[in-house]
């Protein structure tokens, strides 16, 4: 099954940033990962992380 991964600005997979998807769960998974990117960027604001620099990739 395909998997979505959330990558931080440095290219590392964010913890809890892996979601196995099906065609029906993909839109929700994208929304969940975008929310996780915002949370992660807020936690690492001291490192100047910005949620707009995160990427979602399919594997």
N, C-alpha and C. Protein backbone atom coordinates (compact mmCIF):
# COMPACT_ATOMS: atom_id res chain seq x y z
N UNK A 1 0.84 -1.19 0.00
CA UNK A 1 0.00 0.00 0.00
C UNK A 1 0.88 1.25 0.00
N UNK A 2 0.42 2.29 -0.66
CA UNK A 2 1.20 3.53 -0.67
C UNK A 2 1.22 4.17 0.71
N UNK A 3 2.23 4.98 0.91
CA UNK A 3 2.41 5.65 2.19
C UNK A 3 2.76 7.10 1.93
N UNK A 4 2.19 7.99 2.73
CA UNK A 4 2.57 9.39 2.68
C UNK A 4 3.55 9.65 3.81
N UNK A 5 4.56 10.47 3.52
CA UNK A 5 5.54 10.83 4.54
C UNK A 5 5.69 12.35 4.56
N UNK A 6 5.77 12.86 5.76
CA UNK A 6 5.98 14.29 5.94
C UNK A 6 7.46 14.52 6.20
N UNK A 7 8.08 15.33 5.33
CA UNK A 7 9.51 15.64 5.46
C UNK A 7 9.67 17.06 5.98
N UNK A 8 10.55 17.21 6.97
CA UNK A 8 10.82 18.53 7.51
C UNK A 8 11.72 19.30 6.53
N UNK A 9 11.98 20.58 6.81
CA UNK A 9 12.80 21.37 5.88
C UNK A 9 14.20 20.81 5.64
N UNK A 10 14.70 19.98 6.55
CA UNK A 10 16.01 19.38 6.36
C UNK A 10 15.94 18.05 5.62
N UNK A 11 14.73 17.61 5.27
CA UNK A 11 14.57 16.38 4.51
C UNK A 11 14.38 15.12 5.34
N UNK A 12 14.22 15.27 6.65
CA UNK A 12 14.01 14.11 7.52
C UNK A 12 12.52 13.85 7.71
N UNK A 13 12.17 12.58 7.86
CA UNK A 13 10.77 12.22 8.11
C UNK A 13 10.42 12.66 9.52
N UNK A 14 9.32 13.39 9.65
CA UNK A 14 8.85 13.85 10.95
C UNK A 14 8.31 12.64 11.72
N UNK A 15 8.65 12.53 13.01
CA UNK A 15 8.06 11.45 13.81
C UNK A 15 6.54 11.52 13.71
N UNK A 16 5.91 10.40 13.58
CA UNK A 16 4.46 10.27 13.37
C UNK A 16 4.03 10.82 12.02
N UNK A 17 4.96 11.06 11.13
CA UNK A 17 4.66 11.64 9.84
C UNK A 17 4.56 10.64 8.72
N UNK A 18 4.21 9.39 9.06
CA UNK A 18 4.02 8.35 8.05
C UNK A 18 2.60 7.82 8.17
N UNK A 19 1.90 7.82 7.05
CA UNK A 19 0.52 7.34 7.03
C UNK A 19 0.32 6.45 5.82
N UNK A 20 -0.10 5.22 6.05
CA UNK A 20 -0.47 4.33 4.95
C UNK A 20 -1.85 4.76 4.46
N UNK A 21 -1.99 4.84 3.15
CA UNK A 21 -3.23 5.40 2.59
C UNK A 21 -3.92 4.43 1.64
N UNK A 22 -5.19 4.70 1.44
CA UNK A 22 -6.01 4.10 0.39
C UNK A 22 -6.59 5.28 -0.38
N UNK A 23 -7.19 5.04 -1.53
CA UNK A 23 -7.77 6.17 -2.27
C UNK A 23 -8.79 6.97 -1.47
N UNK A 24 -9.51 6.32 -0.59
CA UNK A 24 -10.52 7.05 0.19
C UNK A 24 -9.94 7.79 1.39
N UNK A 25 -8.78 7.38 1.88
CA UNK A 25 -8.20 8.04 3.05
C UNK A 25 -7.16 9.09 2.69
N UNK A 26 -6.79 9.17 1.43
CA UNK A 26 -5.71 10.09 1.04
C UNK A 26 -6.01 11.55 1.34
N UNK A 27 -7.20 12.08 1.04
CA UNK A 27 -7.45 13.51 1.34
C UNK A 27 -7.32 13.83 2.83
N UNK A 28 -7.85 12.97 3.68
CA UNK A 28 -7.75 13.20 5.13
C UNK A 28 -6.30 13.09 5.59
N UNK A 29 -5.56 12.15 5.03
CA UNK A 29 -4.16 11.99 5.39
C UNK A 29 -3.35 13.24 5.05
N UNK A 30 -3.62 13.82 3.89
CA UNK A 30 -2.93 15.06 3.50
C UNK A 30 -3.24 16.17 4.50
N UNK A 31 -4.52 16.30 4.87
CA UNK A 31 -4.92 17.33 5.83
C UNK A 31 -4.25 17.09 7.19
N UNK A 32 -4.20 15.84 7.62
CA UNK A 32 -3.57 15.50 8.89
C UNK A 32 -2.08 15.83 8.88
N UNK A 33 -1.41 15.55 7.77
CA UNK A 33 0.02 15.83 7.68
C UNK A 33 0.30 17.33 7.62
N UNK A 34 -0.59 18.08 6.97
CA UNK A 34 -0.42 19.54 6.96
C UNK A 34 -0.56 20.10 8.38
N UNK A 35 -1.50 19.55 9.15
CA UNK A 35 -1.67 19.98 10.54
C UNK A 35 -0.43 19.59 11.37
N UNK A 36 0.10 18.40 11.13
CA UNK A 36 1.30 17.96 11.83
C UNK A 36 2.48 18.86 11.48
N UNK A 37 2.58 19.30 10.24
CA UNK A 37 3.65 20.21 9.83
C UNK A 37 3.58 21.51 10.63
N UNK A 38 2.38 22.05 10.81
CA UNK A 38 2.22 23.27 11.60
C UNK A 38 2.66 23.05 13.04
N UNK A 39 2.23 21.94 13.63
CA UNK A 39 2.62 21.62 15.02
C UNK A 39 4.12 21.46 15.15
N UNK A 40 4.70 20.71 14.24
CA UNK A 40 6.14 20.44 14.29
C UNK A 40 6.92 21.75 14.11
N UNK A 41 6.51 22.57 13.17
CA UNK A 41 7.19 23.85 12.95
C UNK A 41 7.09 24.74 14.17
N UNK A 42 5.94 24.73 14.84
CA UNK A 42 5.78 25.52 16.06
C UNK A 42 6.73 25.03 17.16
N UNK A 43 6.85 23.72 17.30
CA UNK A 43 7.73 23.15 18.33
C UNK A 43 9.19 23.48 18.07
N UNK A 44 9.55 23.62 16.80
CA UNK A 44 10.95 23.87 16.44
C UNK A 44 11.14 25.27 15.85
N UNK A 45 10.34 26.19 16.33
CA UNK A 45 10.45 27.58 15.85
C UNK A 45 11.84 28.15 16.14
N UNK A 46 12.46 27.68 17.22
CA UNK A 46 13.81 28.17 17.56
C UNK A 46 14.82 27.82 16.47
N UNK A 47 14.51 26.81 15.66
CA UNK A 47 15.39 26.43 14.55
C UNK A 47 14.93 27.07 13.24
N UNK A 48 13.98 28.01 13.37
CA UNK A 48 13.45 28.76 12.22
C UNK A 48 12.71 27.88 11.21
N UNK A 49 12.07 26.81 11.70
CA UNK A 49 11.26 25.97 10.83
C UNK A 49 9.97 26.70 10.48
N UNK A 50 9.54 26.54 9.25
CA UNK A 50 8.31 27.14 8.76
C UNK A 50 7.50 26.04 8.10
N UNK A 51 6.23 25.93 8.46
CA UNK A 51 5.40 24.84 7.94
C UNK A 51 5.31 24.84 6.41
N UNK A 52 5.53 25.98 5.80
CA UNK A 52 5.45 26.06 4.33
C UNK A 52 6.63 25.37 3.65
N UNK A 53 7.68 25.05 4.43
CA UNK A 53 8.85 24.39 3.86
C UNK A 53 8.84 22.87 4.03
N UNK A 54 7.75 22.33 4.56
CA UNK A 54 7.61 20.89 4.71
C UNK A 54 7.05 20.31 3.41
N UNK A 55 7.39 19.05 3.15
CA UNK A 55 6.90 18.39 1.94
C UNK A 55 6.21 17.08 2.32
N UNK A 56 5.20 16.75 1.56
CA UNK A 56 4.52 15.46 1.68
C UNK A 56 4.91 14.66 0.45
N UNK A 57 5.49 13.49 0.66
CA UNK A 57 5.90 12.64 -0.46
C UNK A 57 5.17 11.30 -0.37
N UNK A 58 4.97 10.70 -1.51
CA UNK A 58 4.34 9.39 -1.59
C UNK A 58 5.41 8.34 -1.85
N UNK A 59 5.34 7.24 -1.10
CA UNK A 59 6.30 6.15 -1.32
C UNK A 59 5.55 4.88 -1.65
